[in-house]
N, C-alpha and C. Protein backbone atom coordinates (compact mmCIF):
# COMPACT_ATOMS: atom_id res chain seq x y z
N MET A 1 81.06 103.89 61.38
CA MET A 1 82.19 103.72 60.47
C MET A 1 83.27 102.92 61.19
N GLU A 2 83.84 101.97 60.49
CA GLU A 2 84.93 101.18 61.04
C GLU A 2 86.14 102.06 61.28
N LYS A 3 86.79 101.88 62.40
CA LYS A 3 88.00 102.63 62.66
C LYS A 3 89.05 102.23 61.62
N GLY A 4 89.67 103.25 60.98
CA GLY A 4 90.69 102.98 59.98
C GLY A 4 90.12 102.63 58.62
N SER A 5 88.84 102.81 58.42
CA SER A 5 88.22 102.49 57.14
C SER A 5 88.87 103.28 56.02
N SER A 6 89.05 102.63 54.88
CA SER A 6 89.69 103.31 53.75
C SER A 6 88.65 103.77 52.72
N LEU A 7 87.39 103.72 53.08
CA LEU A 7 86.35 104.12 52.15
C LEU A 7 86.21 105.65 52.12
N THR A 8 86.52 106.23 50.99
CA THR A 8 86.54 107.68 50.85
C THR A 8 85.19 108.31 51.18
N GLY A 9 84.12 107.73 50.68
CA GLY A 9 82.79 108.31 50.88
C GLY A 9 82.44 108.53 52.34
N TYR A 10 82.80 107.57 53.18
CA TYR A 10 82.51 107.71 54.61
C TYR A 10 83.29 108.87 55.21
N HIS A 11 84.53 109.02 54.80
CA HIS A 11 85.35 110.11 55.31
C HIS A 11 84.79 111.46 54.88
N VAL A 12 84.39 111.56 53.62
CA VAL A 12 83.83 112.81 53.11
C VAL A 12 82.53 113.13 53.84
N LEU A 13 81.67 112.14 54.01
CA LEU A 13 80.41 112.34 54.72
C LEU A 13 80.66 112.80 56.15
N LEU A 14 81.57 112.14 56.83
CA LEU A 14 81.89 112.50 58.20
C LEU A 14 82.44 113.92 58.28
N SER A 15 83.32 114.28 57.36
CA SER A 15 83.87 115.63 57.31
C SER A 15 82.77 116.66 57.08
N ASN A 16 81.84 116.35 56.18
CA ASN A 16 80.73 117.27 55.90
C ASN A 16 79.80 117.44 57.10
N ILE A 17 79.57 116.36 57.83
CA ILE A 17 78.73 116.44 59.03
C ILE A 17 79.40 117.33 60.07
N TYR A 18 80.70 117.11 60.29
CA TYR A 18 81.43 117.95 61.23
C TYR A 18 81.40 119.41 60.79
N ALA A 19 81.57 119.67 59.50
CA ALA A 19 81.56 121.04 58.98
C ALA A 19 80.20 121.69 59.19
N ALA A 20 79.13 120.95 58.95
CA ALA A 20 77.78 121.49 59.13
C ALA A 20 77.52 121.87 60.58
N GLU A 21 78.19 121.17 61.50
CA GLU A 21 78.05 121.46 62.92
C GLU A 21 79.06 122.50 63.41
N GLY A 22 79.95 122.94 62.51
CA GLY A 22 80.96 123.92 62.90
C GLY A 22 82.09 123.32 63.72
N ASN A 23 82.26 122.01 63.65
CA ASN A 23 83.28 121.30 64.42
C ASN A 23 84.55 121.20 63.57
N TRP A 24 85.26 122.34 63.44
CA TRP A 24 86.38 122.45 62.51
C TRP A 24 87.59 121.63 62.92
N ASP A 25 87.77 121.37 64.22
CA ASP A 25 88.89 120.53 64.65
C ASP A 25 88.74 119.12 64.08
N ASN A 26 87.53 118.58 64.14
CA ASN A 26 87.31 117.24 63.60
C ASN A 26 87.31 117.23 62.08
N VAL A 27 86.87 118.33 61.44
CA VAL A 27 86.97 118.43 59.98
C VAL A 27 88.43 118.30 59.59
N ASP A 28 89.29 119.08 60.26
CA ASP A 28 90.72 119.04 59.97
C ASP A 28 91.30 117.65 60.21
N ARG A 29 90.87 117.00 61.30
CA ARG A 29 91.37 115.67 61.64
C ARG A 29 91.01 114.65 60.55
N VAL A 30 89.74 114.67 60.11
CA VAL A 30 89.29 113.71 59.10
C VAL A 30 89.99 113.96 57.77
N ARG A 31 90.12 115.24 57.38
CA ARG A 31 90.78 115.55 56.11
C ARG A 31 92.26 115.19 56.14
N LYS A 32 92.89 115.38 57.30
CA LYS A 32 94.30 114.99 57.45
C LYS A 32 94.43 113.48 57.31
N GLU A 33 93.51 112.75 57.93
CA GLU A 33 93.51 111.28 57.83
C GLU A 33 93.35 110.85 56.37
N MET A 34 92.48 111.55 55.63
CA MET A 34 92.28 111.23 54.21
C MET A 34 93.58 111.43 53.43
N ARG A 35 94.26 112.55 53.69
CA ARG A 35 95.54 112.81 52.99
C ARG A 35 96.57 111.74 53.33
N GLN A 36 96.65 111.36 54.61
CA GLN A 36 97.61 110.35 55.03
C GLN A 36 97.35 109.00 54.38
N LYS A 37 96.09 108.69 54.15
CA LYS A 37 95.72 107.41 53.52
C LYS A 37 95.68 107.50 52.00
N GLY A 38 95.92 108.70 51.47
CA GLY A 38 95.89 108.87 50.02
C GLY A 38 94.49 108.83 49.44
N LEU A 39 93.49 109.14 50.25
CA LEU A 39 92.10 109.12 49.79
C LEU A 39 91.75 110.46 49.16
N MET A 40 91.06 110.41 48.03
CA MET A 40 90.66 111.65 47.36
C MET A 40 89.17 111.57 47.03
N LYS A 41 88.49 112.69 47.21
CA LYS A 41 87.08 112.78 46.86
C LYS A 41 86.95 112.79 45.35
N GLU A 42 86.04 111.99 44.83
CA GLU A 42 85.81 111.97 43.39
C GLU A 42 85.02 113.21 42.99
N ALA A 43 85.37 113.75 41.83
CA ALA A 43 84.67 114.93 41.33
C ALA A 43 83.23 114.57 40.96
N GLY A 44 82.33 115.48 41.23
CA GLY A 44 80.93 115.28 40.86
C GLY A 44 80.75 115.52 39.37
N CYS A 45 79.70 114.97 38.82
CA CYS A 45 79.44 115.19 37.40
C CYS A 45 77.94 115.27 37.15
N SER A 46 77.60 115.87 36.04
CA SER A 46 76.21 115.98 35.59
C SER A 46 76.14 115.52 34.15
N TRP A 47 75.02 114.90 33.79
CA TRP A 47 74.80 114.49 32.41
C TRP A 47 73.64 115.29 31.86
N VAL A 48 73.83 115.80 30.65
CA VAL A 48 72.79 116.57 29.97
C VAL A 48 72.65 116.03 28.56
N GLU A 49 71.40 115.74 28.16
CA GLU A 49 71.16 115.27 26.80
C GLU A 49 70.71 116.44 25.94
N VAL A 50 71.43 116.66 24.84
CA VAL A 50 71.11 117.72 23.90
C VAL A 50 71.07 117.11 22.50
N ALA A 51 69.94 117.24 21.84
CA ALA A 51 69.77 116.73 20.47
C ALA A 51 70.16 115.25 20.36
N GLY A 52 69.77 114.46 21.36
CA GLY A 52 70.03 113.03 21.32
C GLY A 52 71.44 112.63 21.71
N HIS A 53 72.29 113.58 22.08
CA HIS A 53 73.66 113.29 22.47
C HIS A 53 73.83 113.59 23.96
N VAL A 54 74.35 112.62 24.71
CA VAL A 54 74.55 112.80 26.15
C VAL A 54 75.92 113.42 26.40
N ASN A 55 75.93 114.52 27.13
CA ASN A 55 77.16 115.21 27.50
C ASN A 55 77.39 115.05 28.99
N CYS A 56 78.62 114.76 29.37
CA CYS A 56 78.99 114.64 30.78
C CYS A 56 79.82 115.86 31.15
N PHE A 57 79.46 116.50 32.25
CA PHE A 57 80.19 117.67 32.72
C PHE A 57 80.73 117.40 34.12
N MET A 58 82.02 117.58 34.28
CA MET A 58 82.68 117.41 35.57
C MET A 58 82.92 118.80 36.16
N SER A 59 82.96 118.86 37.46
CA SER A 59 83.23 120.12 38.14
C SER A 59 84.59 120.68 37.71
N ARG A 60 84.60 121.92 37.30
CA ARG A 60 85.81 122.65 36.87
C ARG A 60 86.52 121.99 35.69
N ASP A 61 85.78 121.25 34.88
CA ASP A 61 86.36 120.59 33.71
C ASP A 61 86.37 121.56 32.54
N HIS A 62 87.51 121.72 31.92
CA HIS A 62 87.64 122.62 30.77
C HIS A 62 88.03 121.85 29.51
N LYS A 63 87.73 120.54 29.48
CA LYS A 63 88.13 119.70 28.34
C LYS A 63 87.04 119.58 27.28
N HIS A 64 85.80 119.97 27.61
CA HIS A 64 84.71 119.85 26.65
C HIS A 64 85.00 120.74 25.44
N PRO A 65 84.74 120.25 24.22
CA PRO A 65 85.05 121.03 23.02
C PRO A 65 84.34 122.38 22.95
N GLN A 66 83.21 122.51 23.64
CA GLN A 66 82.48 123.78 23.62
C GLN A 66 82.56 124.48 24.98
N CYS A 67 83.64 124.26 25.68
CA CYS A 67 83.82 124.78 27.03
C CYS A 67 83.60 126.29 27.11
N ALA A 68 84.21 127.04 26.21
CA ALA A 68 84.09 128.51 26.26
C ALA A 68 82.64 128.94 26.13
N GLU A 69 81.91 128.34 25.19
CA GLU A 69 80.50 128.70 24.99
C GLU A 69 79.65 128.29 26.19
N ILE A 70 79.96 127.15 26.77
CA ILE A 70 79.20 126.66 27.92
C ILE A 70 79.36 127.60 29.11
N TYR A 71 80.60 127.97 29.42
CA TYR A 71 80.83 128.86 30.56
C TYR A 71 80.27 130.25 30.29
N GLN A 72 80.29 130.68 29.04
CA GLN A 72 79.70 131.97 28.67
C GLN A 72 78.19 131.93 28.93
N MET A 73 77.54 130.85 28.54
CA MET A 73 76.10 130.70 28.76
C MET A 73 75.78 130.62 30.25
N LEU A 74 76.62 129.91 31.02
CA LEU A 74 76.40 129.82 32.46
C LEU A 74 76.50 131.20 33.11
N GLU A 75 77.46 132.01 32.68
CA GLU A 75 77.58 133.38 33.19
C GLU A 75 76.34 134.19 32.87
N LYS A 76 75.86 134.06 31.63
CA LYS A 76 74.65 134.77 31.21
C LYS A 76 73.45 134.36 32.06
N LEU A 77 73.29 133.05 32.26
CA LEU A 77 72.18 132.56 33.08
C LEU A 77 72.29 133.04 34.53
N ALA A 78 73.50 133.04 35.06
CA ALA A 78 73.71 133.50 36.43
C ALA A 78 73.33 134.97 36.57
N MET A 79 73.68 135.78 35.59
CA MET A 79 73.33 137.21 35.61
C MET A 79 71.82 137.39 35.52
N GLU A 80 71.17 136.63 34.64
CA GLU A 80 69.71 136.72 34.50
C GLU A 80 69.01 136.31 35.79
N MET A 81 69.52 135.27 36.44
CA MET A 81 68.94 134.82 37.70
C MET A 81 69.11 135.89 38.78
N LYS A 82 70.29 136.48 38.84
CA LYS A 82 70.56 137.53 39.82
C LYS A 82 69.65 138.73 39.57
N ASP A 83 69.51 139.13 38.30
CA ASP A 83 68.65 140.25 37.95
C ASP A 83 67.19 139.98 38.30
N ALA A 84 66.80 138.70 38.26
CA ALA A 84 65.42 138.32 38.59
C ALA A 84 65.20 138.20 40.10
N GLY A 85 66.27 138.42 40.88
CA GLY A 85 66.14 138.40 42.33
C GLY A 85 66.56 137.11 43.01
N TYR A 86 67.12 136.17 42.25
CA TYR A 86 67.55 134.91 42.84
C TYR A 86 68.73 135.14 43.77
N LYS A 87 68.67 134.52 44.94
CA LYS A 87 69.78 134.55 45.88
C LYS A 87 70.10 133.10 46.23
N PRO A 88 71.36 132.69 46.04
CA PRO A 88 71.70 131.29 46.31
C PRO A 88 71.54 130.94 47.78
N CYS A 89 71.13 129.72 48.03
CA CYS A 89 70.96 129.21 49.39
C CYS A 89 72.31 128.69 49.87
N LEU A 90 72.82 129.28 50.93
CA LEU A 90 74.11 128.86 51.46
C LEU A 90 73.98 128.09 52.76
N ASN A 91 72.75 127.88 53.22
CA ASN A 91 72.51 127.18 54.47
C ASN A 91 72.24 125.71 54.18
N LEU A 92 73.17 124.84 54.53
CA LEU A 92 73.05 123.42 54.23
C LEU A 92 72.06 122.70 55.15
N GLN A 93 71.86 123.22 56.34
CA GLN A 93 71.04 122.50 57.31
C GLN A 93 69.55 122.64 57.04
N THR A 94 69.08 123.83 56.69
CA THR A 94 67.64 124.03 56.54
C THR A 94 67.23 124.28 55.11
N GLY A 95 68.18 124.31 54.21
CA GLY A 95 67.84 124.61 52.83
C GLY A 95 67.50 126.06 52.64
N GLY A 96 67.78 126.90 53.64
CA GLY A 96 67.55 128.33 53.52
C GLY A 96 66.11 128.74 53.71
N ILE A 97 65.23 127.82 54.12
CA ILE A 97 63.82 128.16 54.30
C ILE A 97 63.52 128.17 55.80
N SER A 98 63.12 129.32 56.28
CA SER A 98 62.77 129.39 57.69
C SER A 98 61.35 128.89 57.89
N ALA A 99 60.99 128.62 59.11
CA ALA A 99 59.65 128.11 59.40
C ALA A 99 58.58 129.09 58.95
N SER A 100 58.86 130.38 59.01
CA SER A 100 57.88 131.38 58.60
C SER A 100 57.68 131.42 57.09
N GLU A 101 58.63 130.91 56.31
CA GLU A 101 58.54 130.92 54.86
C GLU A 101 57.87 129.66 54.31
N GLU A 102 57.77 128.60 55.12
CA GLU A 102 57.24 127.32 54.63
C GLU A 102 55.77 127.37 54.34
C-alpha cells in the first residue's frame, strides 16, 4: 500500500488483517488515520430477487417498506437455526473448522 493512500478499501483490509492477528495498536492507528482523512467504509449490501423483483438490503437499513416483516422473519429463522443446533462461526482465520473436523 502506498504511504498516505486515500483508498478506503486498503485501509479497511489492513485494519482487518491487524485485527485478525490481534494487533490492536495498529488497528487503532489505521482507524485513526481513516478518521483523519475522512475515509468511511461503505456499507455492505445484498440483493435478493423475489417474484421477479430485485430487492437491495443494506446493513442496518430500516428504509425498506416491509422492514418490520423482514426483521421479524429473520428473527424467526435465527431461532429455528438455533433450535436446530446451529452455532455461528466467529473464527475468521480458520472458518471455525478444526483439522479434526475436515
